[in-house]
Protein backbone atom coordinates (compact mmCIF):
# COMPACT_ATOMS: atom_id res chain seq x y z
CA MET A 1 -19.52 -68.89 24.33
CA SER A 2 -16.72 -66.35 25.47
CA LYS A 3 -14.25 -69.26 24.70
CA ALA A 4 -15.42 -69.50 21.09
CA ILE A 5 -15.19 -65.79 20.57
CA ASP A 6 -11.59 -65.71 21.91
CA GLN A 7 -10.70 -68.56 19.42
CA ALA A 8 -12.21 -66.79 16.49
CA ALA A 9 -10.37 -63.63 17.44
CA SER A 10 -7.09 -65.34 17.67
CA ALA A 11 -7.57 -67.09 14.25
CA LEU A 12 -7.78 -63.50 12.48
CA PRO A 13 -4.70 -62.18 10.88
CA GLU A 14 -2.71 -59.97 13.15
CA SER A 15 -3.15 -56.91 10.87
CA ALA A 16 -6.89 -57.28 11.05
CA VAL A 17 -7.02 -56.56 14.74
CA GLU A 18 -4.22 -54.07 14.79
CA ARG A 19 -5.26 -50.51 15.24
CA ALA A 20 -5.14 -48.44 12.02
CA PRO A 21 -2.31 -46.11 11.89
CA ALA A 22 -3.08 -42.45 12.83
CA ALA A 23 -3.37 -39.94 10.05
CA ALA A 24 -0.23 -37.88 9.33
CA PRO A 25 -0.58 -34.35 10.90
CA VAL A 26 -1.40 -31.58 8.60
CA LYS A 27 1.65 -29.50 7.94
CA LYS A 28 1.22 -26.07 9.23
CA LYS A 29 1.93 -23.37 6.85
CA LYS A 30 4.76 -20.91 7.69
CA PRO A 31 4.00 -17.18 7.63
CA TYR A 32 5.25 -15.38 4.58
CA PRO A 33 8.38 -13.11 5.04
CA PHE A 34 7.32 -9.68 6.40
CA TRP A 35 9.09 -7.79 3.62
CA LEU A 36 7.17 -9.51 0.74
CA GLY A 37 4.53 -6.76 0.55
CA GLY A 38 7.12 -3.98 0.47
CA VAL A 39 8.92 -5.71 -2.41
CA ALA A 40 5.68 -6.03 -4.33
CA ALA A 41 4.77 -2.36 -3.66
CA THR A 42 8.24 -1.16 -4.75
CA ILE A 43 7.81 -3.06 -8.00
CA ALA A 44 4.44 -1.57 -8.71
CA ALA A 45 5.37 1.97 -7.72
CA SER A 46 8.44 1.93 -10.06
CA ILE A 47 6.21 0.99 -13.00
CA THR A 48 3.55 3.66 -12.18
CA HIS A 49 5.92 6.38 -11.05
CA PRO A 50 5.23 8.68 -14.00
CA LEU A 51 1.45 8.80 -13.04
CA ASP A 52 2.30 9.36 -9.39
CA LEU A 53 4.61 12.18 -10.37
CA THR A 54 1.85 13.83 -12.38
CA LYS A 55 -0.65 13.39 -9.71
CA VAL A 56 1.67 15.06 -7.00
CA ARG A 57 2.39 17.93 -9.42
CA LEU A 58 -1.29 18.46 -10.12
CA GLN A 59 -2.00 18.61 -6.46
CA ALA A 60 0.83 20.82 -5.42
CA THR A 61 0.77 23.23 -8.30
CA GLY A 62 -1.62 25.18 -10.50
CA ASP A 63 -1.55 22.71 -13.29
CA LYS A 64 -5.22 21.92 -14.37
CA ARG A 65 -5.06 18.82 -16.67
CA MET A 66 -2.99 15.63 -16.51
CA ILE A 67 -2.05 15.38 -20.18
CA ASP A 68 -0.88 19.09 -20.01
CA SER A 69 1.18 18.34 -16.93
CA ILE A 70 2.81 15.38 -18.55
CA ARG A 71 3.63 17.36 -21.66
CA LYS A 72 5.17 20.15 -19.50
CA THR A 73 7.38 17.59 -17.74
CA VAL A 74 8.59 15.88 -21.05
CA ARG A 75 9.11 19.36 -22.68
CA SER A 76 11.21 20.71 -19.80
CA ARG A 77 13.00 17.47 -18.59
CA GLY A 78 12.64 14.90 -21.45
CA VAL A 79 11.04 11.48 -21.12
CA LEU A 80 13.46 10.63 -18.10
CA GLY A 81 11.82 13.59 -16.41
CA LEU A 82 8.79 11.27 -15.81
CA PHE A 83 10.95 9.39 -13.40
CA ASP A 84 12.15 12.37 -11.35
CA GLY A 85 12.33 11.47 -7.76
CA ILE A 86 12.31 7.71 -8.21
CA SER A 87 14.70 7.10 -5.30
CA GLY A 88 12.34 8.92 -3.09
CA THR A 89 9.61 6.60 -4.22
CA TRP A 90 11.90 3.49 -3.34
CA LEU A 91 12.67 4.95 0.03
CA ARG A 92 8.99 5.40 0.78
CA GLN A 93 7.83 2.00 -0.29
CA MET A 94 10.77 0.19 1.51
CA THR A 95 9.70 1.98 4.76
CA TYR A 96 5.93 2.65 4.56
CA SER A 97 4.85 -0.38 2.51
CA ILE A 98 6.95 -2.95 4.37
CA CYS A 99 5.61 -1.64 7.65
CA ARG A 100 2.05 -1.44 6.49
CA PHE A 101 1.80 -5.12 5.22
CA TRP A 102 3.63 -6.42 8.29
CA ALA A 103 1.40 -4.46 10.66
CA TYR A 104 -1.79 -5.47 8.85
CA ASP A 105 -0.97 -9.03 9.28
CA GLU A 106 -0.04 -8.58 12.90
CA SER A 107 -3.22 -6.50 13.56
CA LYS A 108 -5.48 -9.13 12.12
CA LYS A 109 -3.84 -11.65 14.46
CA LEU A 110 -4.42 -9.24 17.32
CA ILE A 111 -8.17 -8.84 16.72
CA GLY A 112 -8.67 -12.34 15.57
CA ALA A 113 -9.44 -11.47 11.82
CA ASN A 114 -8.87 -13.34 8.65
CA GLU A 115 -9.57 -12.85 4.96
CA LYS A 116 -13.13 -14.14 5.66
CA SER A 117 -13.92 -11.71 8.48
CA PRO A 118 -16.57 -9.09 7.99
CA ALA A 119 -15.57 -5.81 6.30
CA TRP A 120 -15.60 -3.72 9.51
CA LYS A 121 -13.03 -6.06 11.34
CA LEU A 122 -10.83 -5.98 8.28
CA ALA A 123 -11.04 -2.21 8.10
CA LEU A 124 -10.13 -2.00 11.78
CA ALA A 125 -6.92 -4.07 11.14
CA GLY A 126 -6.21 -1.84 8.17
CA SER A 127 -6.62 1.36 10.26
CA MET A 128 -4.23 0.09 12.92
CA ALA A 129 -1.62 -0.87 10.32
CA GLY A 130 -2.09 2.63 8.49
CA GLY A 131 -1.57 4.41 11.77
CA ILE A 132 1.71 2.63 12.52
CA ALA A 133 2.96 2.77 8.86
CA GLY A 134 2.05 6.42 8.36
CA PHE A 135 4.15 7.40 11.19
CA VAL A 136 7.12 5.24 10.42
CA GLY A 137 7.07 6.13 6.71
CA ASN A 138 6.61 9.91 7.14
CA PRO A 139 10.22 10.94 6.38
CA GLY A 140 10.36 8.92 3.05
CA GLU A 141 6.88 10.26 2.17
CA ILE A 142 8.18 13.87 2.53
CA ILE A 143 11.35 13.13 0.39
CA MET A 144 9.21 11.47 -2.32
CA VAL A 145 6.67 14.28 -2.58
CA ARG A 146 9.44 17.04 -2.56
CA MET A 147 11.53 15.19 -5.20
CA GLN A 148 8.50 14.55 -7.49
CA GLY A 149 7.33 18.16 -7.24
CA ASP A 150 10.53 19.98 -7.31
CA TYR A 151 10.82 20.56 -11.14
CA ALA A 152 7.43 21.92 -11.23
CA LYS A 153 8.43 24.83 -9.18
CA PRO A 154 10.24 28.03 -10.41
CA PRO A 155 14.18 27.46 -10.45
CA GLU A 156 14.64 29.70 -7.37
CA LYS A 157 12.31 27.67 -5.21
CA ARG A 158 13.65 24.24 -6.08
CA LEU A 159 15.36 22.10 -3.43
CA ASN A 160 17.49 20.12 -5.82
CA TYR A 161 17.96 17.00 -3.79
CA LYS A 162 20.48 14.52 -5.53
CA ASN A 163 18.83 11.52 -4.28
CA CYS A 164 16.69 10.39 -1.30
CA LEU A 165 19.60 10.11 1.05
CA ASP A 166 20.79 13.61 0.26
CA GLY A 167 17.27 14.80 0.78
CA LEU A 168 17.15 13.32 4.19
CA TYR A 169 20.53 14.71 5.13
CA ARG A 170 19.71 18.25 3.91
CA MET A 171 16.22 18.25 5.65
CA ILE A 172 17.74 17.50 8.98
CA ARG A 173 20.60 19.94 8.52
CA GLU A 174 18.63 22.84 7.05
CA GLU A 175 15.29 22.39 8.87
CA GLY A 176 16.08 20.39 11.93
CA TRP A 177 14.99 17.01 13.21
CA SER A 178 11.45 18.11 13.57
CA SER A 179 11.14 18.59 9.76
CA LEU A 180 10.96 14.82 9.55
CA GLY A 181 7.49 14.99 11.11
CA ARG A 182 6.13 17.75 8.84
CA GLY A 183 2.67 16.83 7.84
CA VAL A 184 2.61 13.68 10.05
CA GLY A 185 -0.99 14.30 11.00
CA PRO A 186 -2.47 14.38 7.45
CA ASN A 187 -0.20 11.67 6.45
CA VAL A 188 -1.13 9.26 9.26
CA PHE A 189 -4.80 10.06 8.59
CA ARG A 190 -4.38 9.35 4.97
CA ALA A 191 -2.52 6.16 5.64
CA VAL A 192 -5.42 5.11 8.02
CA LEU A 193 -7.88 5.70 5.19
CA MET A 194 -5.78 4.01 2.55
CA ASN A 195 -5.18 0.75 4.44
CA ALA A 196 -8.59 0.63 5.88
CA SER A 197 -10.00 0.91 2.16
CA GLN A 198 -7.31 -0.69 0.05
CA LEU A 199 -6.02 -3.73 2.11
CA ALA A 200 -9.30 -4.48 3.76
CA SER A 201 -11.37 -4.03 0.72
CA TYR A 202 -9.06 -6.38 -1.32
CA ASP A 203 -9.44 -9.01 1.22
CA PHE A 204 -13.23 -8.58 1.40
CA PHE A 205 -13.71 -8.49 -2.33
CA LYS A 206 -11.42 -11.53 -2.84
CA ALA A 207 -13.40 -13.39 -0.18
CA GLU A 208 -16.68 -12.56 -1.74
CA LEU A 209 -15.58 -13.42 -5.31
CA LEU A 210 -14.27 -16.87 -4.00
CA LYS A 211 -17.78 -17.59 -2.53
CA THR A 212 -19.27 -17.46 -6.08
CA LYS A 213 -18.94 -20.25 -8.61
CA TYR A 214 -17.27 -18.00 -11.18
CA PHE A 215 -13.84 -17.53 -9.45
CA ASP A 216 -11.12 -19.64 -8.11
CA ASP A 217 -8.06 -18.42 -6.09
CA ASN A 218 -6.11 -17.39 -9.21
CA ILE A 219 -4.79 -14.29 -11.14
CA TYR A 220 -8.37 -13.53 -12.39
CA CYS A 221 -9.84 -13.30 -9.04
CA HIS A 222 -6.74 -11.22 -7.86
CA THR A 223 -7.26 -8.86 -10.73
CA VAL A 224 -10.94 -8.18 -10.27
CA ALA A 225 -10.56 -7.86 -6.36
CA SER A 226 -7.68 -5.51 -6.76
CA PHE A 227 -9.65 -3.42 -9.40
CA ALA A 228 -12.54 -2.91 -6.98
CA ALA A 229 -10.01 -2.07 -4.06
CA GLY A 230 -8.20 0.66 -6.09
CA THR A 231 -11.58 2.56 -6.94
CA VAL A 232 -12.60 2.42 -3.24
CA ALA A 233 -9.13 3.55 -2.06
CA THR A 234 -8.91 6.40 -4.52
CA THR A 235 -12.28 7.96 -3.44
CA VAL A 236 -11.81 7.51 0.22
CA CYS A 237 -8.21 8.90 0.27
CA SER A 238 -8.46 11.83 -2.05
CA PRO A 239 -9.09 14.65 0.44
CA ALA A 240 -6.27 13.57 2.79
CA ASP A 241 -3.91 12.83 -0.29
CA VAL A 242 -4.41 16.47 -1.58
CA LEU A 243 -3.85 18.06 1.81
CA LYS A 244 -0.91 15.93 2.53
CA SER A 245 0.77 16.73 -0.88
CA ARG A 246 0.38 20.43 -0.45
CA ILE A 247 1.67 20.58 3.18
CA MET A 248 4.74 18.22 2.34
CA SER A 249 5.72 20.03 -0.91
CA ALA A 250 5.73 23.47 0.92
CA ALA A 251 9.09 24.50 2.37
CA GLY A 252 9.84 26.83 5.35
CA THR A 253 6.65 28.03 7.28
CA GLU A 254 4.30 27.60 4.35
CA GLY A 255 3.00 24.17 5.21
CA LYS A 256 3.29 24.09 8.94
CA SER A 257 -0.44 24.37 9.71
CA ALA A 258 -2.99 21.91 8.17
CA LEU A 259 -5.84 24.10 9.20
CA ALA A 260 -4.19 27.25 7.49
CA MET A 261 -3.66 25.19 4.33
CA ILE A 262 -7.36 23.92 4.24
CA ARG A 263 -8.63 27.60 4.84
CA THR A 264 -6.41 28.88 1.96
CA SER A 265 -7.37 26.20 -0.48
CA MET A 266 -11.12 26.53 0.42
CA ARG A 267 -10.90 30.26 -0.06
CA ASN A 268 -9.14 30.06 -3.34
CA GLU A 269 -10.47 26.99 -4.98
CA GLY A 270 -13.60 25.89 -3.12
CA ALA A 271 -14.55 22.59 -1.46
CA MET A 272 -13.81 20.53 -4.64
CA PHE A 273 -10.06 21.21 -4.09
CA MET A 274 -10.25 17.89 -1.90
CA PHE A 275 -10.79 15.97 -5.14
CA LYS A 276 -8.32 17.79 -7.27
CA GLY A 277 -6.28 15.32 -9.25
CA TRP A 278 -8.79 12.41 -8.62
CA VAL A 279 -8.54 11.06 -12.23
CA PRO A 280 -4.71 10.88 -12.25
CA ALA A 281 -4.90 9.58 -8.73
CA TRP A 282 -7.31 6.88 -9.86
CA MET A 283 -5.13 6.19 -12.98
CA ARG A 284 -2.04 5.89 -10.70
CA LEU A 285 -3.65 4.05 -7.85
CA GLN A 286 -5.69 1.64 -9.75
CA PRO A 287 -2.78 -0.06 -11.70
CA THR A 288 -0.63 0.40 -8.71
CA THR A 289 -3.22 -1.45 -6.44
CA MET A 290 -3.61 -4.09 -9.16
CA LEU A 291 0.08 -4.66 -9.50
CA ILE A 292 0.79 -4.73 -5.88
CA PHE A 293 -1.77 -7.49 -5.07
CA ILE A 294 -1.04 -9.47 -8.32
CA THR A 295 2.60 -9.37 -7.72
CA LEU A 296 2.24 -10.00 -4.10
CA GLU A 297 0.11 -13.22 -4.81
CA GLN A 298 2.71 -14.34 -7.35
CA LEU A 299 5.53 -13.76 -4.82
CA LYS A 300 3.65 -15.74 -2.28
CA ARG A 301 3.44 -18.69 -4.84
CA VAL A 302 7.10 -18.36 -5.32
CA VAL A 303 7.70 -18.74 -1.60
CA ASP A 304 5.24 -21.69 -1.50
CA TRP A 305 7.07 -23.31 -4.40
CA THR A 306 10.52 -22.89 -2.63
CA ARG A 307 9.08 -24.35 0.61
CA GLY A 308 7.63 -27.28 -1.35
CA ASP A 309 3.96 -26.24 -0.40
CA LEU A 310 2.57 -26.15 -3.93
């Protein structure tokens, strides 16, 4: 019997008894460049700079309405005045934003999170990233706020920085190295809130949308997810954003104490001062958030295309 089986097997074609070739290993996707988020944020911030400028001036001065503040800027500085301090914005984005996107990805790896993780885990990764980026980007944040708010001040109180590098040099020369840490507490706190709400909520909303039958991983999904993330981030960050702007725009000894600034603002304006400028903040952060994530997703596709991964 066994002899007959052996004879039958030997009569089969060689290919029939050969083992099937193993499947080709799945190509592991390389991580995206760490600076990609910073580039996307810089592009977005450049487009929405006039709204950011108006938000800072509303928070740091006595202006009451967004439209009036814009008219005041155009009347005194012309249309180009809406782009006052643009170099400060670039410095801030190329330090703070590069750091936060990189730190967010690294934090997710550290705690074992991904885009489909629960909201609290994504928020934890965002908080970790915000703490690091808020500290690293503090000097750029100070320069940006000062340059944006400068022309809203009386001429005798203006700092008149030529550009972001001139501002850094003069800050160190005139106020000492410690000035680079001015407002670092509120700034880090605000950065923690921002990244916990903006980055984490974008990943959360995107994952939830992809679970439905109505969305695929395309620009429509990215638009809706980033719209929701922008609204969440604006509301969560408003109190820290107002306090940060007031402390950083103050020169000399005016803004050294966060508690003193809170007491003064509460006494003069009441508790709602924490949400002053919410509408322009939403109008600025909403398109900025949408532009950041839509641009970032498109930049990722470009990277995938150059690597042949599409």
